[in-house]
Amino acid sequence: MSARLLGPGSYGLARLAVGDRIQTGTCTVTAGMIDSFSDLTGDRFAIHMDADAAAEYGFAGRVAHGLLVLSLVDGLKNQAPAQFDAIASLGWDWSFLAPVHAGDTIQAAIDVKGLRETSKPDRGIVMLEVTVTNQDGATVQRGTNSLMVRR
């Protein structure tokens, strides 16, 4: 396992090794983002929309939608200086471990856990393990992403 932090650039299958890591930048989740996501999806569950309702459920404040946070993580991945030479995402296996509140700042560590060639000579599959932490270093989401990349 190589355990190297990838520097700026584009990484296809041939340039990757199991253990490689991309560290994303950060993103602060705002109430406006939660409102916009609610408007887009129609998910207006009380803990997302109202701090008092969230408190009734035992939360410290409005809770960001889990899928909003996952979407922000994918955006952070795509804004990182080190980029996978991606063709398409093939799927996610994801867990929401702790709430992300309006005002929290998230970032992600993305580790290469597996590499394989496909029957097509111009592409391969990278299995990524993603760990999302907040400003306190607590893990709030975690999962895997299968990503088709150029060889």
N, C-alpha and C. Protein backbone atom coordinates (compact mmCIF):
# COMPACT_ATOMS: atom_id res chain seq x y z
N MET A 1 0.84 -1.18 0.00
CA MET A 1 0.00 0.00 0.00
C MET A 1 0.89 1.24 0.00
N SER A 2 0.64 2.17 -0.93
CA SER A 2 1.57 3.29 -1.11
C SER A 2 1.36 4.42 -0.12
N ALA A 3 0.14 4.72 0.28
CA ALA A 3 -0.17 5.78 1.25
C ALA A 3 0.44 7.12 0.87
N ARG A 4 0.26 7.53 -0.37
CA ARG A 4 0.77 8.84 -0.76
C ARG A 4 -0.39 9.82 -0.94
N LEU A 5 -0.16 11.06 -0.56
CA LEU A 5 -1.12 12.12 -0.77
C LEU A 5 -0.90 12.64 -2.19
N LEU A 6 -1.94 12.56 -3.01
CA LEU A 6 -1.78 12.95 -4.41
C LEU A 6 -1.71 14.46 -4.55
N GLY A 7 -0.76 14.91 -5.34
CA GLY A 7 -0.60 16.33 -5.63
C GLY A 7 -1.46 16.74 -6.80
N PRO A 8 -1.42 18.02 -7.16
CA PRO A 8 -2.22 18.51 -8.28
C PRO A 8 -1.96 17.70 -9.55
N GLY A 9 -3.03 17.49 -10.29
CA GLY A 9 -2.91 16.76 -11.55
C GLY A 9 -4.10 15.86 -11.77
N SER A 10 -4.05 15.14 -12.87
CA SER A 10 -5.11 14.22 -13.26
C SER A 10 -4.57 12.80 -13.16
N TYR A 11 -5.35 11.92 -12.54
CA TYR A 11 -4.90 10.57 -12.26
C TYR A 11 -5.85 9.55 -12.86
N GLY A 12 -5.36 8.85 -13.88
CA GLY A 12 -6.07 7.72 -14.45
C GLY A 12 -5.60 6.45 -13.76
N LEU A 13 -6.11 5.34 -14.20
CA LEU A 13 -5.83 4.05 -13.56
C LEU A 13 -4.34 3.77 -13.45
N ALA A 14 -3.58 4.04 -14.49
CA ALA A 14 -2.15 3.71 -14.52
C ALA A 14 -1.34 4.53 -13.52
N ARG A 15 -1.83 5.69 -13.13
CA ARG A 15 -1.09 6.55 -12.20
C ARG A 15 -1.51 6.37 -10.75
N LEU A 16 -2.44 5.46 -10.48
CA LEU A 16 -2.95 5.28 -9.13
C LEU A 16 -2.45 3.99 -8.51
N ALA A 17 -2.40 3.99 -7.18
CA ALA A 17 -2.07 2.80 -6.41
C ALA A 17 -3.00 2.73 -5.21
N VAL A 18 -3.27 1.53 -4.77
CA VAL A 18 -4.06 1.35 -3.55
C VAL A 18 -3.34 2.08 -2.42
N GLY A 19 -4.09 2.87 -1.66
CA GLY A 19 -3.52 3.66 -0.58
C GLY A 19 -3.36 5.12 -0.91
N ASP A 20 -3.41 5.48 -2.19
CA ASP A 20 -3.34 6.89 -2.57
C ASP A 20 -4.50 7.64 -1.95
N ARG A 21 -4.29 8.92 -1.66
CA ARG A 21 -5.30 9.74 -0.99
C ARG A 21 -5.41 11.12 -1.63
N ILE A 22 -6.65 11.58 -1.70
CA ILE A 22 -6.94 12.97 -2.03
C ILE A 22 -7.60 13.59 -0.82
N GLN A 23 -7.11 14.74 -0.40
CA GLN A 23 -7.74 15.51 0.68
C GLN A 23 -8.43 16.70 0.04
N THR A 24 -9.73 16.84 0.27
CA THR A 24 -10.46 17.94 -0.34
C THR A 24 -10.28 19.21 0.46
N GLY A 25 -10.74 20.30 -0.13
CA GLY A 25 -10.89 21.54 0.60
C GLY A 25 -12.09 21.44 1.52
N THR A 26 -12.54 22.58 2.01
CA THR A 26 -13.66 22.59 2.95
C THR A 26 -14.86 23.31 2.34
N CYS A 27 -16.01 23.07 2.95
CA CYS A 27 -17.24 23.73 2.57
C CYS A 27 -18.07 23.96 3.83
N THR A 28 -18.52 25.18 4.03
CA THR A 28 -19.40 25.48 5.16
C THR A 28 -20.85 25.36 4.69
N VAL A 29 -21.60 24.52 5.37
CA VAL A 29 -23.00 24.28 5.05
C VAL A 29 -23.82 25.43 5.65
N THR A 30 -24.62 26.07 4.83
CA THR A 30 -25.40 27.21 5.29
C THR A 30 -26.89 26.88 5.31
N ALA A 31 -27.64 27.69 6.04
CA ALA A 31 -29.10 27.55 6.05
C ALA A 31 -29.65 27.75 4.64
N GLY A 32 -29.04 28.66 3.88
CA GLY A 32 -29.47 28.88 2.51
C GLY A 32 -29.31 27.65 1.64
N MET A 33 -28.22 26.89 1.84
CA MET A 33 -28.03 25.65 1.09
C MET A 33 -29.13 24.64 1.44
N ILE A 34 -29.44 24.55 2.74
CA ILE A 34 -30.49 23.63 3.18
C ILE A 34 -31.83 24.04 2.57
N ASP A 35 -32.13 25.34 2.59
CA ASP A 35 -33.37 25.83 1.99
C ASP A 35 -33.43 25.52 0.50
N SER A 36 -32.34 25.78 -0.21
CA SER A 36 -32.32 25.52 -1.66
C SER A 36 -32.48 24.04 -1.96
N PHE A 37 -31.82 23.18 -1.17
CA PHE A 37 -31.95 21.74 -1.38
C PHE A 37 -33.39 21.30 -1.11
N SER A 38 -34.00 21.86 -0.07
CA SER A 38 -35.40 21.55 0.23
C SER A 38 -36.30 21.97 -0.91
N ASP A 39 -36.06 23.16 -1.47
CA ASP A 39 -36.85 23.63 -2.60
C ASP A 39 -36.68 22.71 -3.81
N LEU A 40 -35.47 22.29 -4.06
CA LEU A 40 -35.17 21.45 -5.22
C LEU A 40 -35.79 20.06 -5.09
N THR A 41 -35.70 19.47 -3.89
CA THR A 41 -36.11 18.08 -3.71
C THR A 41 -37.53 17.91 -3.17
N GLY A 42 -38.05 18.96 -2.53
CA GLY A 42 -39.34 18.83 -1.87
C GLY A 42 -39.25 18.23 -0.48
N ASP A 43 -38.04 17.92 -0.02
CA ASP A 43 -37.84 17.34 1.31
C ASP A 43 -37.81 18.47 2.33
N ARG A 44 -38.93 18.65 3.00
CA ARG A 44 -39.05 19.72 3.99
C ARG A 44 -39.31 19.15 5.38
N PHE A 45 -38.69 18.02 5.67
CA PHE A 45 -38.84 17.42 6.99
C PHE A 45 -38.43 18.46 8.04
N ALA A 46 -39.12 18.48 9.16
CA ALA A 46 -39.00 19.55 10.15
C ALA A 46 -37.57 19.81 10.63
N ILE A 47 -36.76 18.76 10.80
CA ILE A 47 -35.40 18.99 11.33
C ILE A 47 -34.53 19.78 10.36
N HIS A 48 -34.90 19.77 9.10
CA HIS A 48 -34.15 20.53 8.11
C HIS A 48 -34.59 21.99 8.05
N MET A 49 -35.84 22.24 8.38
CA MET A 49 -36.43 23.54 8.11
C MET A 49 -36.49 24.49 9.30
N ASP A 50 -36.47 23.95 10.52
CA ASP A 50 -36.75 24.78 11.68
C ASP A 50 -35.87 24.36 12.87
N ALA A 51 -35.15 25.32 13.41
CA ALA A 51 -34.24 25.02 14.53
C ALA A 51 -35.00 24.53 15.76
N ASP A 52 -36.17 25.09 16.03
CA ASP A 52 -36.95 24.64 17.19
C ASP A 52 -37.43 23.21 17.00
N ALA A 53 -37.88 22.87 15.79
CA ALA A 53 -38.29 21.50 15.52
C ALA A 53 -37.10 20.54 15.63
N ALA A 54 -35.96 20.98 15.13
CA ALA A 54 -34.77 20.13 15.25
C ALA A 54 -34.43 19.89 16.72
N ALA A 55 -34.56 20.93 17.55
CA ALA A 55 -34.29 20.79 18.99
C ALA A 55 -35.25 19.80 19.63
N GLU A 56 -36.51 19.79 19.19
CA GLU A 56 -37.49 18.82 19.71
C GLU A 56 -37.06 17.39 19.43
N TYR A 57 -36.32 17.17 18.37
CA TYR A 57 -35.81 15.85 18.02
C TYR A 57 -34.44 15.58 18.63
N GLY A 58 -33.91 16.55 19.39
CA GLY A 58 -32.64 16.35 20.07
C GLY A 58 -31.42 16.86 19.34
N PHE A 59 -31.62 17.65 18.28
CA PHE A 59 -30.50 18.18 17.52
C PHE A 59 -30.16 19.59 17.98
N ALA A 60 -28.90 19.96 17.80
CA ALA A 60 -28.41 21.27 18.25
C ALA A 60 -28.85 22.42 17.34
N GLY A 61 -29.35 22.13 16.18
CA GLY A 61 -29.78 23.14 15.23
C GLY A 61 -30.31 22.46 13.99
N ARG A 62 -30.63 23.27 12.98
CA ARG A 62 -31.12 22.71 11.73
C ARG A 62 -30.13 21.70 11.18
N VAL A 63 -30.63 20.60 10.69
CA VAL A 63 -29.80 19.50 10.20
C VAL A 63 -29.83 19.51 8.67
N ALA A 64 -28.66 19.50 8.07
CA ALA A 64 -28.57 19.39 6.61
C ALA A 64 -29.02 18.01 6.17
N HIS A 65 -29.66 17.95 5.04
CA HIS A 65 -30.05 16.67 4.45
C HIS A 65 -28.79 15.85 4.22
N GLY A 66 -28.86 14.55 4.53
CA GLY A 66 -27.71 13.70 4.28
C GLY A 66 -27.28 13.71 2.83
N LEU A 67 -28.26 13.72 1.93
CA LEU A 67 -27.93 13.72 0.50
C LEU A 67 -27.36 15.06 0.04
N LEU A 68 -27.72 16.14 0.72
CA LEU A 68 -27.09 17.43 0.44
C LEU A 68 -25.60 17.34 0.76
N VAL A 69 -25.28 16.80 1.92
CA VAL A 69 -23.88 16.68 2.32
C VAL A 69 -23.12 15.79 1.35
N LEU A 70 -23.70 14.65 0.97
CA LEU A 70 -23.06 13.77 -0.02
C LEU A 70 -22.82 14.52 -1.32
N SER A 71 -23.79 15.30 -1.76
CA SER A 71 -23.63 16.07 -2.99
C SER A 71 -22.50 17.09 -2.86
N LEU A 72 -22.42 17.75 -1.71
CA LEU A 72 -21.33 18.71 -1.49
C LEU A 72 -19.98 18.01 -1.49
N VAL A 73 -19.92 16.81 -0.93
CA VAL A 73 -18.67 16.04 -0.92
C VAL A 73 -18.24 15.71 -2.34
N ASP A 74 -19.19 15.31 -3.18
CA ASP A 74 -18.83 15.01 -4.57
C ASP A 74 -18.32 16.27 -5.25
N GLY A 75 -18.92 17.41 -4.95
CA GLY A 75 -18.42 18.67 -5.48
C GLY A 75 -17.02 19.01 -4.98
N LEU A 76 -16.78 18.78 -3.69
CA LEU A 76 -15.43 19.02 -3.15
C LEU A 76 -14.41 18.13 -3.84
N LYS A 77 -14.79 16.87 -4.10
CA LYS A 77 -13.90 15.95 -4.81
C LYS A 77 -13.57 16.50 -6.20
N ASN A 78 -14.57 17.04 -6.86
CA ASN A 78 -14.38 17.53 -8.22
C ASN A 78 -13.71 18.89 -8.29
N GLN A 79 -13.50 19.54 -7.15
CA GLN A 79 -12.79 20.81 -7.09
C GLN A 79 -11.37 20.67 -6.54
N ALA A 80 -11.02 19.47 -6.08
CA ALA A 80 -9.70 19.25 -5.50
C ALA A 80 -8.61 19.41 -6.56
N PRO A 81 -7.42 19.87 -6.16
CA PRO A 81 -6.32 19.99 -7.12
C PRO A 81 -5.94 18.66 -7.77
N ALA A 82 -6.02 17.57 -7.00
CA ALA A 82 -5.78 16.23 -7.55
C ALA A 82 -7.12 15.69 -8.03
N GLN A 83 -7.17 15.27 -9.28
CA GLN A 83 -8.41 14.82 -9.89
C GLN A 83 -8.27 13.40 -10.44
N PHE A 84 -9.32 12.62 -10.25
CA PHE A 84 -9.39 11.34 -10.94
C PHE A 84 -9.82 11.64 -12.38
N ASP A 85 -9.22 10.96 -13.34
CA ASP A 85 -9.57 11.15 -14.75
C ASP A 85 -10.85 10.36 -15.02
N ALA A 86 -11.94 10.86 -14.47
CA ALA A 86 -13.20 10.12 -14.39
C ALA A 86 -13.97 10.14 -15.70
N ILE A 87 -14.67 9.04 -15.92
CA ILE A 87 -15.64 8.92 -16.99
C ILE A 87 -17.05 8.99 -16.41
N ALA A 88 -17.30 8.22 -15.34
CA ALA A 88 -18.63 8.20 -14.73
C ALA A 88 -18.56 7.56 -13.35
N SER A 89 -19.42 8.03 -12.47
CA SER A 89 -19.61 7.39 -11.18
C SER A 89 -20.52 6.19 -11.40
N LEU A 90 -20.16 5.05 -10.80
CA LEU A 90 -20.95 3.82 -10.97
C LEU A 90 -21.82 3.52 -9.77
N GLY A 91 -21.62 4.22 -8.67
CA GLY A 91 -22.48 3.99 -7.51
C GLY A 91 -21.82 4.36 -6.21
N TRP A 92 -22.67 4.52 -5.21
CA TRP A 92 -22.26 4.90 -3.87
C TRP A 92 -22.85 3.92 -2.87
N ASP A 93 -22.11 3.60 -1.84
CA ASP A 93 -22.60 2.86 -0.67
C ASP A 93 -22.26 3.77 0.50
N TRP A 94 -23.26 4.35 1.16
CA TRP A 94 -23.04 5.51 2.01
C TRP A 94 -23.75 5.41 3.34
N SER A 95 -23.13 5.94 4.39
CA SER A 95 -23.74 6.00 5.73
C SER A 95 -23.69 7.41 6.28
N PHE A 96 -24.79 7.81 6.90
CA PHE A 96 -24.89 9.09 7.60
C PHE A 96 -24.65 8.80 9.08
N LEU A 97 -23.52 9.21 9.62
CA LEU A 97 -23.10 8.81 10.96
C LEU A 97 -23.43 9.82 12.05
N ALA A 98 -23.46 11.09 11.69
CA ALA A 98 -23.73 12.15 12.66
C ALA A 98 -24.33 13.33 11.91
N PRO A 99 -25.13 14.14 12.60
CA PRO A 99 -25.75 15.27 11.90
C PRO A 99 -24.73 16.32 11.48
N VAL A 100 -25.04 16.95 10.36
CA VAL A 100 -24.31 18.13 9.91
C VAL A 100 -25.30 19.28 10.04
N HIS A 101 -24.94 20.26 10.85
CA HIS A 101 -25.83 21.39 11.11
C HIS A 101 -25.47 22.59 10.24
N ALA A 102 -26.45 23.46 10.04
CA ALA A 102 -26.17 24.73 9.38
C ALA A 102 -25.05 25.41 10.15
N GLY A 103 -24.02 25.84 9.45
CA GLY A 103 -22.85 26.45 10.07
C GLY A 103 -21.67 25.53 10.21
N ASP A 104 -21.87 24.22 10.07
CA ASP A 104 -20.76 23.27 10.14
C ASP A 104 -19.92 23.35 8.86
N THR A 105 -18.65 23.05 9.01
CA THR A 105 -17.72 23.01 7.88
C THR A 105 -17.28 21.57 7.68
N ILE A 106 -17.38 21.08 6.46
CA ILE A 106 -17.02 19.70 6.15
C ILE A 106 -15.84 19.65 5.20
N GLN A 107 -15.17 18.51 5.22
CA GLN A 107 -14.14 18.18 4.23
C GLN A 107 -14.08 16.67 4.13
N ALA A 108 -13.39 16.17 3.11
CA ALA A 108 -13.35 14.73 2.89
C ALA A 108 -11.94 14.26 2.60
N ALA A 109 -11.65 13.07 3.10
CA ALA A 109 -10.45 12.32 2.72
C ALA A 109 -10.92 11.18 1.83
N ILE A 110 -10.30 11.05 0.67
CA ILE A 110 -10.71 10.06 -0.32
C ILE A 110 -9.52 9.12 -0.55
N ASP A 111 -9.69 7.87 -0.18
CA ASP A 111 -8.62 6.87 -0.28
C ASP A 111 -8.93 5.85 -1.36
N VAL A 112 -7.92 5.54 -2.16
CA VAL A 112 -8.04 4.50 -3.18
C VAL A 112 -7.94 3.15 -2.48
N LYS A 113 -9.02 2.36 -2.57
CA LYS A 113 -9.07 1.05 -1.91
C LYS A 113 -8.98 -0.11 -2.87
N GLY A 114 -9.22 0.16 -4.15
CA GLY A 114 -9.14 -0.92 -5.12
C GLY A 114 -9.02 -0.37 -6.53
N LEU A 115 -8.38 -1.15 -7.39
CA LEU A 115 -8.18 -0.78 -8.80
C LEU A 115 -8.40 -2.02 -9.65
N ARG A 116 -9.10 -1.84 -10.76
CA ARG A 116 -9.21 -2.98 -11.68
C ARG A 116 -9.42 -2.49 -13.10
N GLU A 117 -8.91 -3.27 -14.01
CA GLU A 117 -9.12 -3.00 -15.42
C GLU A 117 -10.49 -3.51 -15.82
N THR A 118 -10.99 -3.01 -16.93
CA THR A 118 -12.24 -3.52 -17.48
C THR A 118 -11.94 -4.19 -18.82
N SER A 119 -12.98 -4.71 -19.45
CA SER A 119 -12.78 -5.34 -20.76
C SER A 119 -12.48 -4.31 -21.85
N LYS A 120 -12.76 -3.05 -21.57
CA LYS A 120 -12.44 -1.99 -22.53
C LYS A 120 -11.04 -1.46 -22.23
N PRO A 121 -10.19 -1.39 -23.24
CA PRO A 121 -8.79 -1.04 -22.99
C PRO A 121 -8.56 0.41 -22.56
N ASP A 122 -9.56 1.25 -22.69
CA ASP A 122 -9.35 2.66 -22.37
C ASP A 122 -9.87 3.07 -20.99
N ARG A 123 -10.35 2.09 -20.19
CA ARG A 123 -10.95 2.46 -18.90
C ARG A 123 -10.72 1.41 -17.83
N GLY A 124 -10.89 1.86 -16.60
CA GLY A 124 -10.77 0.98 -15.45
C GLY A 124 -11.70 1.46 -14.35
N ILE A 125 -11.72 0.72 -13.25
CA ILE A 125 -12.59 1.04 -12.12
C ILE A 125 -11.71 1.30 -10.90
N VAL A 126 -12.00 2.40 -10.20
CA VAL A 126 -11.33 2.74 -8.95
C VAL A 126 -12.39 2.67 -7.85
N MET A 127 -12.09 1.93 -6.78
CA MET A 127 -12.96 1.89 -5.61
C MET A 127 -12.40 2.87 -4.60
N LEU A 128 -13.21 3.86 -4.24
CA LEU A 128 -12.79 4.91 -3.33
C LEU A 128 -13.49 4.76 -1.99
N GLU A 129 -12.76 4.97 -0.92
CA GLU A 129 -13.36 5.06 0.41
C GLU A 129 -13.30 6.52 0.83
N VAL A 130 -14.44 7.07 1.19
CA VAL A 130 -14.55 8.49 1.50
C VAL A 130 -14.95 8.66 2.95
N THR A 131 -14.21 9.51 3.66
CA THR A 131 -14.52 9.83 5.05
C THR A 131 -14.73 11.34 5.14
N VAL A 132 -15.91 11.73 5.63
CA VAL A 132 -16.28 13.14 5.73
C VAL A 132 -16.23 13.55 7.20
N THR A 133 -15.49 14.62 7.48
CA THR A 133 -15.39 15.11 8.84
C THR A 133 -15.88 16.55 8.93
N ASN A 134 -16.23 16.93 10.16
CA ASN A 134 -16.65 18.32 10.38
C ASN A 134 -15.49 19.12 10.97
N GLN A 135 -15.78 20.36 11.33
CA GLN A 135 -14.75 21.27 11.83
C GLN A 135 -14.11 20.79 13.13
N ASP A 136 -14.76 19.88 13.84
CA ASP A 136 -14.20 19.33 15.08
C ASP A 136 -13.44 18.03 14.86
N GLY A 137 -13.36 17.59 13.61
CA GLY A 137 -12.68 16.34 13.30
C GLY A 137 -13.56 15.11 13.47
N ALA A 138 -14.83 15.29 13.79
CA ALA A 138 -15.74 14.16 13.95
C ALA A 138 -16.16 13.64 12.58
N THR A 139 -16.20 12.33 12.43
CA THR A 139 -16.67 11.72 11.18
C THR A 139 -18.19 11.81 11.14
N VAL A 140 -18.71 12.45 10.10
CA VAL A 140 -20.16 12.65 9.98
C VAL A 140 -20.78 11.78 8.89
N GLN A 141 -20.02 11.43 7.89
CA GLN A 141 -20.48 10.51 6.84
C GLN A 141 -19.29 9.69 6.37
N ARG A 142 -19.61 8.51 5.84
CA ARG A 142 -18.54 7.64 5.32
C ARG A 142 -19.16 6.69 4.30
N GLY A 143 -18.36 6.33 3.32
CA GLY A 143 -18.85 5.36 2.36
C GLY A 143 -17.86 5.10 1.26
N THR A 144 -18.36 4.38 0.24
CA THR A 144 -17.52 4.04 -0.90
C THR A 144 -18.16 4.55 -2.18
N ASN A 145 -17.32 4.79 -3.15
CA ASN A 145 -17.75 5.22 -4.47
C ASN A 145 -16.97 4.41 -5.50
N SER A 146 -17.68 3.80 -6.42
CA SER A 146 -17.06 3.12 -7.56
C SER A 146 -17.01 4.13 -8.70
N LEU A 147 -15.82 4.34 -9.22
CA LEU A 147 -15.62 5.38 -10.23
C LEU A 147 -14.94 4.78 -11.45
N MET A 148 -15.56 4.97 -12.61
CA MET A 148 -14.92 4.56 -13.86
C MET A 148 -13.97 5.67 -14.29
N VAL A 149 -12.74 5.29 -14.58
CA VAL A 149 -11.71 6.26 -14.96
C VAL A 149 -11.04 5.83 -16.25
N ARG A 150 -10.36 6.77 -16.87
CA ARG A 150 -9.53 6.44 -18.03
C ARG A 150 -8.29 5.70 -17.55
N ARG A 151 -7.79 4.83 -18.39
CA ARG A 151 -6.56 4.12 -18.04
C ARG A 151 -5.38 5.02 -18.29
